[in-house]
Amino acid sequence: MKKFTSFLRFLLGLLIIASLAGSLTGCASSKKSESTGEYLDDSVLTTKVKASILGDSKLKVMQIDVETFKGIVQLSGFVDSQEAADRAVRLARTVRGVKQVNNSLIVK
């Protein structure tokens, strides 16, 4: 009986370790997913880029969608001119922490 109890404790310990390891790897990033910290950093970058666009009187923030993944900003939507698209890209590039800007803006 004592061996059986020791074996159960051993199994319980393994289960606890396995569940902890699983929960920790759930927070790690990969090529297709972000860690919690990266997600928060990207949320801040998105907000800063949107604020920068909003602060520019020549751009209409409602026309431009901003998404960020691992520091790479994706601009999409419809703008009135190529100048507006180029301006939005320039503004996004000036935001500290932005690694790259992908321009998918379409001129109407």
PDB file of N, CA and C in Angstrom:
ATOM      1  N   MET A   1       0.825  -1.200   0.000  1.00  0.00           N
ATOM      2  CA  MET A   1       0.000   0.000   0.000  1.00  0.00           C
ATOM      3  C   MET A   1       0.864   1.257   0.000  1.00  0.00           C
ATOM      4  N   LYS A   2       1.980   1.210   0.717  1.00  0.00           N
ATOM      5  CA  LYS A   2       2.859   2.364   0.794  1.00  0.00           C
ATOM      6  C   LYS A   2       3.458   2.674  -0.580  1.00  0.00           C
ATOM      7  N   LYS A   3       3.794   1.602  -1.347  1.00  0.00           N
ATOM      8  CA  LYS A   3       4.341   1.802  -2.691  1.00  0.00           C
ATOM      9  C   LYS A   3       3.294   2.433  -3.605  1.00  0.00           C
ATOM     10  N   PHE A   4       2.060   2.002  -3.455  1.00  0.00           N
ATOM     11  CA  PHE A   4       0.973   2.532  -4.271  1.00  0.00           C
ATOM     12  C   PHE A   4       0.762   4.022  -3.984  1.00  0.00           C
ATOM     13  N   THR A   5       0.802   4.412  -2.722  1.00  0.00           N
ATOM     14  CA  THR A   5       0.648   5.816  -2.326  1.00  0.00           C
ATOM     15  C   THR A   5       1.801   6.655  -2.870  1.00  0.00           C
ATOM     16  N   SER A   6       3.009   6.131  -2.796  1.00  0.00           N
ATOM     17  CA  SER A   6       4.178   6.839  -3.329  1.00  0.00           C
ATOM     18  C   SER A   6       4.056   7.009  -4.839  1.00  0.00           C
ATOM     19  N   PHE A   7       3.561   5.955  -5.497  1.00  0.00           N
ATOM     20  CA  PHE A   7       3.379   6.010  -6.944  1.00  0.00           C
ATOM     21  C   PHE A   7       2.335   7.068  -7.320  1.00  0.00           C
ATOM     22  N   LEU A   8       1.232   7.135  -6.556  1.00  0.00           N
ATOM     23  CA  LEU A   8       0.207   8.152  -6.815  1.00  0.00           C
ATOM     24  C   LEU A   8       0.753   9.563  -6.619  1.00  0.00           C
ATOM     25  N   ARG A   9       1.544   9.747  -5.599  1.00  0.00           N
ATOM     26  CA  ARG A   9       2.160  11.061  -5.368  1.00  0.00           C
ATOM     27  C   ARG A   9       3.094  11.421  -6.520  1.00  0.00           C
ATOM     28  N   PHE A  10       3.840  10.437  -6.993  1.00  0.00           N
ATOM     29  CA  PHE A  10       4.742  10.647  -8.117  1.00  0.00           C
ATOM     30  C   PHE A  10       3.944  11.068  -9.355  1.00  0.00           C
ATOM     31  N   LEU A  11       2.858  10.352  -9.645  1.00  0.00           N
ATOM     32  CA  LEU A  11       2.010  10.686 -10.793  1.00  0.00           C
ATOM     33  C   LEU A  11       1.389  12.073 -10.654  1.00  0.00           C
ATOM     34  N   LEU A  12       0.931  12.392  -9.452  1.00  0.00           N
ATOM     35  CA  LEU A  12       0.352  13.714  -9.203  1.00  0.00           C
ATOM     36  C   LEU A  12       1.393  14.798  -9.437  1.00  0.00           C
ATOM     37  N   GLY A  13       2.611  14.566  -8.988  1.00  0.00           N
ATOM     38  CA  GLY A  13       3.704  15.520  -9.214  1.00  0.00           C
ATOM     39  C   GLY A  13       3.981  15.714 -10.697  1.00  0.00           C
ATOM     40  N   LEU A  14       3.983  14.615 -11.460  1.00  0.00           N
ATOM     41  CA  LEU A  14       4.194  14.705 -12.906  1.00  0.00           C
ATOM     42  C   LEU A  14       3.079  15.503 -13.584  1.00  0.00           C
ATOM     43  N   LEU A  15       1.843  15.274 -13.148  1.00  0.00           N
ATOM     44  CA  LEU A  15       0.715  16.005 -13.717  1.00  0.00           C
ATOM     45  C   LEU A  15       0.826  17.501 -13.442  1.00  0.00           C
ATOM     46  N   ILE A  16       1.231  17.845 -12.247  1.00  0.00           N
ATOM     47  CA  ILE A  16       1.391  19.259 -11.891  1.00  0.00           C
ATOM     48  C   ILE A  16       2.488  19.897 -12.733  1.00  0.00           C
ATOM     49  N   ILE A  17       3.600  19.209 -12.877  1.00  0.00           N
ATOM     50  CA  ILE A  17       4.716  19.735 -13.675  1.00  0.00           C
ATOM     51  C   ILE A  17       4.296  19.874 -15.140  1.00  0.00           C
ATOM     52  N   ALA A  18       3.592  18.883 -15.662  1.00  0.00           N
ATOM     53  CA  ALA A  18       3.144  18.933 -17.054  1.00  0.00           C
ATOM     54  C   ALA A  18       2.173  20.086 -17.281  1.00  0.00           C
ATOM     55  N   SER A  19       1.273  20.307 -16.335  1.00  0.00           N
ATOM     56  CA  SER A  19       0.311  21.398 -16.510  1.00  0.00           C
ATOM     57  C   SER A  19       0.995  22.753 -16.411  1.00  0.00           C
ATOM     58  N   LEU A  20       1.976  22.886 -15.531  1.00  0.00           N
ATOM     59  CA  LEU A  20       2.719  24.145 -15.442  1.00  0.00           C
ATOM     60  C   LEU A  20       3.509  24.395 -16.715  1.00  0.00           C
ATOM     61  N   ALA A  21       4.147  23.367 -17.228  1.00  0.00           N
ATOM     62  CA  ALA A  21       4.921  23.507 -18.462  1.00  0.00           C
ATOM     63  C   ALA A  21       4.000  23.889 -19.614  1.00  0.00           C
ATOM     64  N   GLY A  22       2.828  23.307 -19.668  1.00  0.00           N
ATOM     65  CA  GLY A  22       1.870  23.630 -20.717  1.00  0.00           C
ATOM     66  C   GLY A  22       1.376  25.055 -20.626  1.00  0.00           C
ATOM     67  N   SER A  23       1.154  25.536 -19.427  1.00  0.00           N
ATOM     68  CA  SER A  23       0.668  26.904 -19.280  1.00  0.00           C
ATOM     69  C   SER A  23       1.760  27.913 -19.608  1.00  0.00           C
ATOM     70  N   LEU A  24       3.008  27.591 -19.322  1.00  0.00           N
ATOM     71  CA  LEU A  24       4.095  28.509 -19.642  1.00  0.00           C
ATOM     72  C   LEU A  24       4.345  28.572 -21.139  1.00  0.00           C
ATOM     73  N   THR A  25       4.265  27.444 -21.827  1.00  0.00           N
ATOM     74  CA  THR A  25       4.480  27.477 -23.264  1.00  0.00           C
ATOM     75  C   THR A  25       3.311  28.134 -23.972  1.00  0.00           C
ATOM     76  N   GLY A  26       2.167  28.215 -23.360  1.00  0.00           N
ATOM     77  CA  GLY A  26       1.030  28.905 -23.940  1.00  0.00           C
ATOM     78  C   GLY A  26       1.266  30.400 -24.035  1.00  0.00           C
ATOM     79  N   CYS A  27       2.213  30.933 -23.288  1.00  0.00           N
ATOM     80  CA  CYS A  27       2.520  32.359 -23.307  1.00  0.00           C
ATOM     81  C   CYS A  27       3.684  32.685 -24.232  1.00  0.00           C
ATOM     82  N   ALA A  28       4.325  31.663 -24.781  1.00  0.00           N
ATOM     83  CA  ALA A  28       5.461  31.885 -25.659  1.00  0.00           C
ATOM     84  C   ALA A  28       4.977  32.243 -27.057  1.00  0.00           C
ATOM     85  N   SER A  29       5.842  32.924 -27.794  1.00  0.00           N
ATOM     86  CA  SER A  29       5.448  33.304 -29.147  1.00  0.00           C
ATOM     87  C   SER A  29       6.034  32.329 -30.161  1.00  0.00           C
ATOM     88  N   SER A  30       5.458  32.357 -31.332  1.00  0.00           N
ATOM     89  CA  SER A  30       5.972  31.601 -32.465  1.00  0.00           C
ATOM     90  C   SER A  30       5.817  32.489 -33.687  1.00  0.00           C
ATOM     91  N   LYS A  31       6.088  31.937 -34.870  1.00  0.00           N
ATOM     92  CA  LYS A  31       5.973  32.750 -36.087  1.00  0.00           C
ATOM     93  C   LYS A  31       4.554  33.238 -36.316  1.00  0.00           C
ATOM     94  N   LYS A  32       3.565  32.449 -35.895  1.00  0.00           N
ATOM     95  CA  LYS A  32       2.174  32.785 -36.167  1.00  0.00           C
ATOM     96  C   LYS A  32       1.410  33.286 -34.951  1.00  0.00           C
ATOM     97  N   SER A  33       2.035  33.315 -33.791  1.00  0.00           N
ATOM     98  CA  SER A  33       1.339  33.792 -32.599  1.00  0.00           C
ATOM     99  C   SER A  33       2.265  34.686 -31.784  1.00  0.00           C
ATOM    100  N   GLU A  34       1.651  35.495 -30.949  1.00  0.00           N
ATOM    101  CA  GLU A  34       2.394  36.434 -30.111  1.00  0.00           C
ATOM    102  C   GLU A  34       2.314  36.017 -28.657  1.00  0.00           C
ATOM    103  N   SER A  35       3.322  36.393 -27.912  1.00  0.00           N
ATOM    104  CA  SER A  35       3.231  36.241 -26.467  1.00  0.00           C
ATOM    105  C   SER A  35       2.340  37.356 -25.943  1.00  0.00           C
ATOM    106  N   THR A  36       1.956  37.262 -24.702  1.00  0.00           N
ATOM    107  CA  THR A  36       1.116  38.297 -24.102  1.00  0.00           C
ATOM    108  C   THR A  36       1.813  39.653 -24.143  1.00  0.00           C
ATOM    109  N   GLY A  37       3.086  39.668 -23.846  1.00  0.00           N
ATOM    110  CA  GLY A  37       3.850  40.916 -23.869  1.00  0.00           C
ATOM    111  C   GLY A  37       3.920  41.521 -25.260  1.00  0.00           C
ATOM    112  N   GLU A  38       4.146  40.670 -26.271  1.00  0.00           N
ATOM    113  CA  GLU A  38       4.189  41.161 -27.649  1.00  0.00           C
ATOM    114  C   GLU A  38       2.830  41.720 -28.064  1.00  0.00           C
ATOM    115  N   TYR A  39       1.765  41.045 -27.650  1.00  0.00           N
ATOM    116  CA  TYR A  39       0.413  41.516 -27.975  1.00  0.00           C
ATOM    117  C   TYR A  39       0.174  42.912 -27.390  1.00  0.00           C
ATOM    118  N   LEU A  40       0.586  43.096 -26.142  1.00  0.00           N
ATOM    119  CA  LEU A  40       0.412  44.412 -25.504  1.00  0.00           C
ATOM    120  C   LEU A  40       1.271  45.467 -26.191  1.00  0.00           C
ATOM    121  N   ASP A  41       2.522  45.113 -26.518  1.00  0.00           N
ATOM    122  CA  ASP A  41       3.397  46.056 -27.223  1.00  0.00           C
ATOM    123  C   ASP A  41       2.794  46.453 -28.565  1.00  0.00           C
ATOM    124  N   ASP A  42       2.253  45.474 -29.285  1.00  0.00           N
ATOM    125  CA  ASP A  42       1.649  45.761 -30.583  1.00  0.00           C
ATOM    126  C   ASP A  42       0.397  46.616 -30.442  1.00  0.00           C
ATOM    127  N   SER A  43      -0.358  46.405 -29.376  1.00  0.00           N
ATOM    128  CA  SER A  43      -1.543  47.237 -29.130  1.00  0.00           C
ATOM    129  C   SER A  43      -1.145  48.690 -28.914  1.00  0.00           C
ATOM    130  N   VAL A  44      -0.056  48.895 -28.195  1.00  0.00           N
ATOM    131  CA  VAL A  44       0.445  50.250 -27.960  1.00  0.00           C
ATOM    132  C   VAL A  44       0.902  50.871 -29.283  1.00  0.00           C
ATOM    133  N   LEU A  45       1.633  50.105 -30.105  1.00  0.00           N
ATOM    134  CA  LEU A  45       2.079  50.626 -31.399  1.00  0.00           C
ATOM    135  C   LEU A  45       0.892  51.000 -32.285  1.00  0.00           C
ATOM    136  N   THR A  46      -0.120  50.134 -32.318  1.00  0.00           N
ATOM    137  CA  THR A  46      -1.308  50.419 -33.117  1.00  0.00           C
ATOM    138  C   THR A  46      -1.951  51.728 -32.675  1.00  0.00           C
ATOM    139  N   THR A  47      -2.078  51.909 -31.369  1.00  0.00           N
ATOM    140  CA  THR A  47      -2.674  53.134 -30.829  1.00  0.00           C
ATOM    141  C   THR A  47      -1.844  54.354 -31.183  1.00  0.00           C
ATOM    142  N   LYS A  48      -0.523  54.239 -31.101  1.00  0.00           N
ATOM    143  CA  LYS A  48       0.350  55.373 -31.430  1.00  0.00           C
ATOM    144  C   LYS A  48       0.262  55.735 -32.909  1.00  0.00           C
ATOM    145  N   VAL A  49       0.215  54.721 -33.768  1.00  0.00           N
ATOM    146  CA  VAL A  49       0.104  54.990 -35.207  1.00  0.00           C
ATOM    147  C   VAL A  49      -1.242  55.651 -35.511  1.00  0.00           C
ATOM    148  N   LYS A  50      -2.317  55.128 -34.912  1.00  0.00           N
ATOM    149  CA  LYS A  50      -3.642  55.728 -35.131  1.00  0.00           C
ATOM    150  C   LYS A  50      -3.673  57.169 -34.631  1.00  0.00           C
ATOM    151  N   ALA A  51      -3.058  57.427 -33.496  1.00  0.00           N
ATOM    152  CA  ALA A  51      -3.015  58.792 -32.956  1.00  0.00           C
ATOM    153  C   ALA A  51      -2.228  59.709 -33.879  1.00  0.00           C
ATOM    154  N   SER A  52      -1.165  59.199 -34.435  1.00  0.00           N
ATOM    155  CA  SER A  52      -0.355  59.990 -35.363  1.00  0.00           C
ATOM    156  C   SER A  52      -1.156  60.344 -36.606  1.00  0.00           C
ATOM    157  N   ILE A  53      -1.901  59.386 -37.129  1.00  0.00           N
ATOM    158  CA  ILE A  53      -2.745  59.630 -38.304  1.00  0.00           C
ATOM    159  C   ILE A  53      -3.876  60.596 -37.948  1.00  0.00           C
ATOM    160  N   LEU A  54      -4.473  60.408 -36.781  1.00  0.00           N
ATOM    161  CA  LEU A  54      -5.560  61.280 -36.333  1.00  0.00           C
ATOM    162  C   LEU A  54      -5.077  62.721 -36.186  1.00  0.00           C
ATOM    163  N   GLY A  55      -3.845  62.896 -35.750  1.00  0.00           N
ATOM    164  CA  GLY A  55      -3.294  64.232 -35.542  1.00  0.00           C
ATOM    165  C   GLY A  55      -2.926  64.955 -36.825  1.00  0.00           C
ATOM    166  N   ASP A  56      -2.988  64.261 -37.952  1.00  0.00           N
ATOM    167  CA  ASP A  56      -2.648  64.873 -39.235  1.00  0.00           C
ATOM    168  C   ASP A  56      -3.924  65.343 -39.924  1.00  0.00           C
ATOM    169  N   SER A  57      -4.008  66.631 -40.173  1.00  0.00           N
ATOM    170  CA  SER A  57      -5.236  67.209 -40.737  1.00  0.00           C
ATOM    171  C   SER A  57      -5.490  66.771 -42.180  1.00  0.00           C
ATOM    172  N   LYS A  58      -4.466  66.265 -42.870  1.00  0.00           N
ATOM    173  CA  LYS A  58      -4.636  65.856 -44.265  1.00  0.00           C
ATOM    174  C   LYS A  58      -5.099  64.408 -44.410  1.00  0.00           C
ATOM    175  N   LEU A  59      -5.161  63.682 -43.303  1.00  0.00           N
ATOM    176  CA  LEU A  59      -5.571  62.280 -43.353  1.00  0.00           C
ATOM    177  C   LEU A  59      -6.881  62.082 -42.609  1.00  0.00           C
ATOM    178  N   LYS A  60      -7.646  61.133 -43.072  1.00  0.00           N
ATOM    179  CA  LYS A  60      -8.920  60.794 -42.429  1.00  0.00           C
ATOM    180  C   LYS A  60      -8.744  59.445 -41.737  1.00  0.00           C
ATOM    181  N   VAL A  61      -8.682  59.489 -40.428  1.00  0.00           N
ATOM    182  CA  VAL A  61      -8.383  58.290 -39.655  1.00  0.00           C
ATOM    183  C   VAL A  61      -9.423  57.194 -39.865  1.00  0.00           C
ATOM    184  N   MET A  62     -10.646  57.549 -40.181  1.00  0.00           N
ATOM    185  CA  MET A  62     -11.694  56.540 -40.364  1.00  0.00           C
ATOM    186  C   MET A  62     -11.496  55.743 -41.651  1.00  0.00           C
ATOM    187  N   GLN A  63     -10.684  56.241 -42.558  1.00  0.00           N
ATOM    188  CA  GLN A  63     -10.434  55.542 -43.814  1.00  0.00           C
ATOM    189  C   GLN A  63      -9.318  54.513 -43.685  1.00  0.00           C
ATOM    190  N   ILE A  64      -8.484  54.642 -42.660  1.00  0.00           N
ATOM    191  CA  ILE A  64      -7.272  53.832 -42.556  1.00  0.00           C
ATOM    192  C   ILE A  64      -7.369  52.880 -41.372  1.00  0.00           C
ATOM    193  N   ASP A  65      -7.214  51.602 -41.666  1.00  0.00           N
ATOM    194  CA  ASP A  65      -7.199  50.574 -40.622  1.00  0.00           C
ATOM    195  C   ASP A  65      -5.745  50.255 -40.302  1.00  0.00           C
ATOM    196  N   VAL A  66      -5.438  50.132 -39.027  1.00  0.00           N
ATOM    197  CA  VAL A  66      -4.076  49.851 -38.586  1.00  0.00           C
ATOM    198  C   VAL A  66      -4.075  48.568 -37.765  1.00  0.00           C
ATOM    199  N   GLU A  67      -3.242  47.627 -38.156  1.00  0.00           N
ATOM    200  CA  GLU A  67      -3.040  46.396 -37.390  1.00  0.00           C
ATOM    201  C   GLU A  67      -1.551  46.188 -37.221  1.00  0.00           C
ATOM    202  N   THR A  68      -1.166  45.620 -36.088  1.00  0.00           N
ATOM    203  CA  THR A  68       0.247  45.399 -35.809  1.00  0.00           C
ATOM    204  C   THR A  68       0.459  43.973 -35.334  1.00  0.00           C
ATOM    205  N   PHE A  69       1.512  43.339 -35.861  1.00  0.00           N
ATOM    206  CA  PHE A  69       1.889  41.993 -35.443  1.00  0.00           C
ATOM    207  C   PHE A  69       3.402  41.938 -35.340  1.00  0.00           C
ATOM    208  N   LYS A  70       3.895  41.756 -34.128  1.00  0.00           N
ATOM    209  CA  LYS A  70       5.332  41.677 -33.844  1.00  0.00           C
ATOM    210  C   LYS A  70       6.097  42.886 -34.386  1.00  0.00           C
ATOM    211  N   GLY A  71       5.521  44.063 -34.195  1.00  0.00           N
ATOM    212  CA  GLY A  71       6.181  45.304 -34.580  1.00  0.00           C
ATOM    213  C   GLY A  71       6.008  45.687 -36.036  1.00  0.00           C
ATOM    214  N   ILE A  72       5.342  44.841 -36.809  1.00  0.00           N
ATOM    215  CA  ILE A  72       5.111  45.137 -38.223  1.00  0.00           C
ATOM    216  C   ILE A  72       3.693  45.699 -38.363  1.00  0.00           C
ATOM    217  N   VAL A  73       3.612  46.921 -38.866  1.00  0.00           N
ATOM    218  CA  VAL A  73       2.334  47.624 -38.985  1.00  0.00           C
ATOM    219  C   VAL A  73       1.764  47.404 -40.383  1.00  0.00           C
ATOM    220  N   GLN A  74       0.500  47.055 -40.424  1.00  0.00           N
ATOM    221  CA  GLN A  74      -0.225  46.866 -41.687  1.00  0.00           C
ATOM    222  C   GLN A  74      -1.256  47.983 -41.808  1.00  0.00           C
ATOM    223  N   LEU A  75      -1.128  48.791 -42.854  1.00  0.00           N
ATOM    224  CA  LEU A  75      -2.101  49.841 -43.129  1.00  0.00           C
ATOM    225  C   LEU A  75      -3.002  49.355 -44.263  1.00  0.00           C
ATOM    226  N   SER A  76      -4.305  49.470 -44.066  1.00  0.00           N
ATOM    227  CA  SER A  76      -5.240  49.076 -45.115  1.00  0.00           C
ATOM    228  C   SER A  76      -6.431  50.022 -45.110  1.00  0.00           C
ATOM    229  N   GLY A  77      -7.209  49.962 -46.174  1.00  0.00           N
ATOM    230  CA  GLY A  77      -8.368  50.825 -46.302  1.00  0.00           C
ATOM    231  C   GLY A  77      -8.294  51.624 -47.588  1.00  0.00           C
ATOM    232  N   PHE A  78      -9.166  52.602 -47.681  1.00  0.00           N
ATOM    233  CA  PHE A  78      -9.261  53.431 -48.887  1.00  0.00           C
ATOM    234  C   PHE A  78      -8.920  54.867 -48.543  1.00  0.00           C
ATOM    235  N   VAL A  79      -8.060  55.474 -49.350  1.00  0.00           N
ATOM    236  CA  VAL A  79      -7.688  56.882 -49.160  1.00  0.00           C
ATOM    237  C   VAL A  79      -8.007  57.657 -50.430  1.00  0.00           C
ATOM    238  N   ASP A  80      -8.028  58.983 -50.319  1.00  0.00           N
ATOM    239  CA  ASP A  80      -8.425  59.832 -51.440  1.00  0.00           C
ATOM    240  C   ASP A  80      -7.332  60.046 -52.482  1.00  0.00           C
ATOM    241  N   SER A  81      -6.060  59.888 -52.074  1.00  0.00           N
ATOM    242  CA  SER A  81      -4.973  60.148 -53.017  1.00  0.00           C
ATOM    243  C   SER A  81      -3.734  59.323 -52.653  1.00  0.00           C
ATOM    244  N   GLN A  82      -2.819  59.225 -53.633  1.00  0.00           N
ATOM    245  CA  GLN A  82      -1.555  58.534 -53.376  1.00  0.00           C
ATOM    246  C   GLN A  82      -0.750  59.303 -52.339  1.00  0.00           C
ATOM    247  N   GLU A  83      -0.881  60.619 -52.366  1.00  0.00           N
ATOM    248  CA  GLU A  83      -0.190  61.457 -51.377  1.00  0.00           C
ATOM    249  C   GLU A  83      -0.640  61.096 -49.956  1.00  0.00           C
ATOM    250  N   ALA A  84      -1.925  60.861 -49.774  1.00  0.00           N
ATOM    251  CA  ALA A  84      -2.445  60.484 -48.458  1.00  0.00           C
ATOM    252  C   ALA A  84      -1.899  59.122 -48.028  1.00  0.00           C
ATOM    253  N   ALA A  85      -1.821  58.195 -48.963  1.00  0.00           N
ATOM    254  CA  ALA A  85      -1.277  56.861 -48.655  1.00  0.00           C
ATOM    255  C   ALA A  85       0.189  56.976 -48.246  1.00  0.00           C
ATOM    256  N   ASP A  86       0.966  57.730 -49.017  1.00  0.00           N
ATOM    257  CA  ASP A  86       2.391  57.909 -48.711  1.00  0.00           C
ATOM    258  C   ASP A  86       2.581  58.607 -47.379  1.00  0.00           C
ATOM    259  N   ARG A  87       1.734  59.584 -47.108  1.00  0.00           N
ATOM    260  CA  ARG A  87       1.815  60.326 -45.839  1.00  0.00           C
ATOM    261  C   ARG A  87       1.535  59.406 -44.651  1.00  0.00           C
ATOM    262  N   ALA A  88       0.524  58.546 -44.777  1.00  0.00           N
ATOM    263  CA  ALA A  88       0.190  57.609 -43.695  1.00  0.00           C
ATOM    264  C   ALA A  88       1.353  56.650 -43.433  1.00  0.00           C
ATOM    265  N   VAL A  89       1.982  56.173 -44.494  1.00  0.00           N
ATOM    266  CA  VAL A  89       3.134  55.279 -44.346  1.00  0.00           C
ATOM    267  C   VAL A  89       4.279  56.002 -43.649  1.00  0.00           C
ATOM    268  N   ARG A  90       4.554  57.227 -44.065  1.00  0.00           N
ATOM    269  CA  ARG A  90       5.635  58.007 -43.434  1.00  0.00           C
ATOM    270  C   ARG A  90       5.367  58.210 -41.940  1.00  0.00           C
ATOM    271  N   LEU A  91       4.121  58.563 -41.613  1.00  0.00           N
ATOM    272  CA  LEU A  91       3.776  58.773 -40.207  1.00  0.00           C
ATOM    273  C   LEU A  91       3.947  57.488 -39.400  1.00  0.00           C
ATOM    274  N   ALA A  92       3.515  56.371 -39.950  1.00  0.00           N
ATOM    275  CA  ALA A  92       3.628  55.099 -39.243  1.00  0.00           C
ATOM    276  C   ALA A  92       5.096  54.737 -39.006  1.00  0.00           C
ATOM    277  N   ARG A  93       5.933  55.017 -39.983  1.00  0.00           N
ATOM    278  CA  ARG A  93       7.366  54.693 -39.855  1.00  0.00           C
ATOM    279  C   ARG A  93       8.056  55.525 -38.778  1.00  0.00           C
ATOM    280  N   THR A  94       7.511  56.704 -38.482  1.00  0.00           N
ATOM    281  CA  THR A  94       8.154  57.564 -37.482  1.00  0.00           C
ATOM    282  C   THR A  94       7.833  57.145 -36.049  1.00  0.00           C
ATOM    283  N   VAL A  95       6.873  56.262 -35.872  1.00  0.00           N
ATOM    284  CA  VAL A  95       6.501  55.830 -34.522  1.00  0.00           C
ATOM    285  C   VAL A  95       7.583  54.906 -33.984  1.00  0.00           C
ATOM    286  N   ARG A  96       8.085  55.246 -32.831  1.00  0.00           N
ATOM    287  CA  ARG A  96       9.154  54.465 -32.212  1.00  0.00           C
ATOM    288  C   ARG A  96       8.660  53.052 -31.904  1.00  0.00           C
ATOM    289  N   GLY A  97       9.434  52.051 -32.320  1.00  0.00           N
ATOM    290  CA  GLY A  97       9.089  50.659 -32.075  1.00  0.00           C
ATOM    291  C   GLY A  97       8.553  49.950 -33.300  1.00  0.00           C
ATOM    292  N   VAL A  98       8.150  50.723 -34.315  1.00  0.00           N
ATOM    293  CA  VAL A  98       7.658  50.122 -35.553  1.00  0.00           C
ATOM    294  C   VAL A  98       8.863  49.587 -36.329  1.00  0.00           C
ATOM    295  N   LYS A  99       8.837  48.293 -36.629  1.00  0.00           N
ATOM    296  CA  LYS A  99       9.928  47.651 -37.349  1.00  0.00           C
ATOM    297  C   LYS A  99       9.771  47.776 -38.857  1.00  0.00           C
ATOM    298  N   GLN A 100       8.529  47.735 -39.304  1.00  0.00           N
ATOM    299  CA  GLN A 100       8.250  47.731 -40.739  1.00  0.00           C
ATOM    300  C   GLN A 100       6.821  48.192 -40.952  1.00  0.00           C
ATOM    301  N   VAL A 101       6.550  48.794 -42.096  1.00  0.00           N
ATOM    302  CA  VAL A 101       5.192  49.198 -42.439  1.00  0.00           C
ATOM    303  C   VAL A 101       4.822  48.562 -43.775  1.00  0.00           C
ATOM    304  N   ASN A 102       3.750  47.799 -43.781  1.00  0.00           N
ATOM    305  CA  ASN A 102       3.219  47.223 -45.015  1.00  0.00           C
ATOM    306  C   ASN A 102       2.026  48.072 -45.448  1.00  0.00           C
ATOM    307  N   ASN A 103       2.093  48.553 -46.669  1.00  0.00           N
ATOM    308  CA  ASN A 103       1.069  49.456 -47.188  1.00  0.00           C
ATOM    309  C   ASN A 103       0.101  48.700 -48.079  1.00  0.00           C
ATOM    310  N   SER A 104      -1.115  48.526 -47.614  1.00  0.00           N
ATOM    311  CA  SER A 104      -2.177  47.922 -48.427  1.00  0.00           C
ATOM    312  C   SER A 104      -3.294  48.937 -48.674  1.00  0.00           C
ATOM    313  N   LEU A 105      -2.958  50.214 -48.577  1.00  0.00           N
ATOM    314  CA  LEU A 105      -3.943  51.266 -48.806  1.00  0.00           C
ATOM    315  C   LEU A 105      -4.303  51.342 -50.278  1.00  0.00           C
ATOM    316  N   ILE A 106      -5.558  51.553 -50.565  1.00  0.00           N
ATOM    317  CA  ILE A 106      -6.044  51.640 -51.927  1.00  0.00           C
ATOM    318  C   ILE A 106      -6.547  53.061 -52.177  1.00  0.00           C
ATOM    319  N   VAL A 107      -6.080  53.648 -53.275  1.00  0.00           N
ATOM    320  CA  VAL A 107      -6.526  54.992 -53.655  1.00  0.00           C
ATOM    321  C   VAL A 107      -7.855  54.852 -54.395  1.00  0.00           C
ATOM    322  N   LYS A 108      -8.901  55.590 -53.900  1.00  0.00           N
ATOM    323  CA  LYS A 108     -10.204  55.499 -54.554  1.00  0.00           C
ATOM    324  C   LYS A 108     -10.272  56.391 -55.774  1.00  0.00           C
TER     325      LYS A 108
END
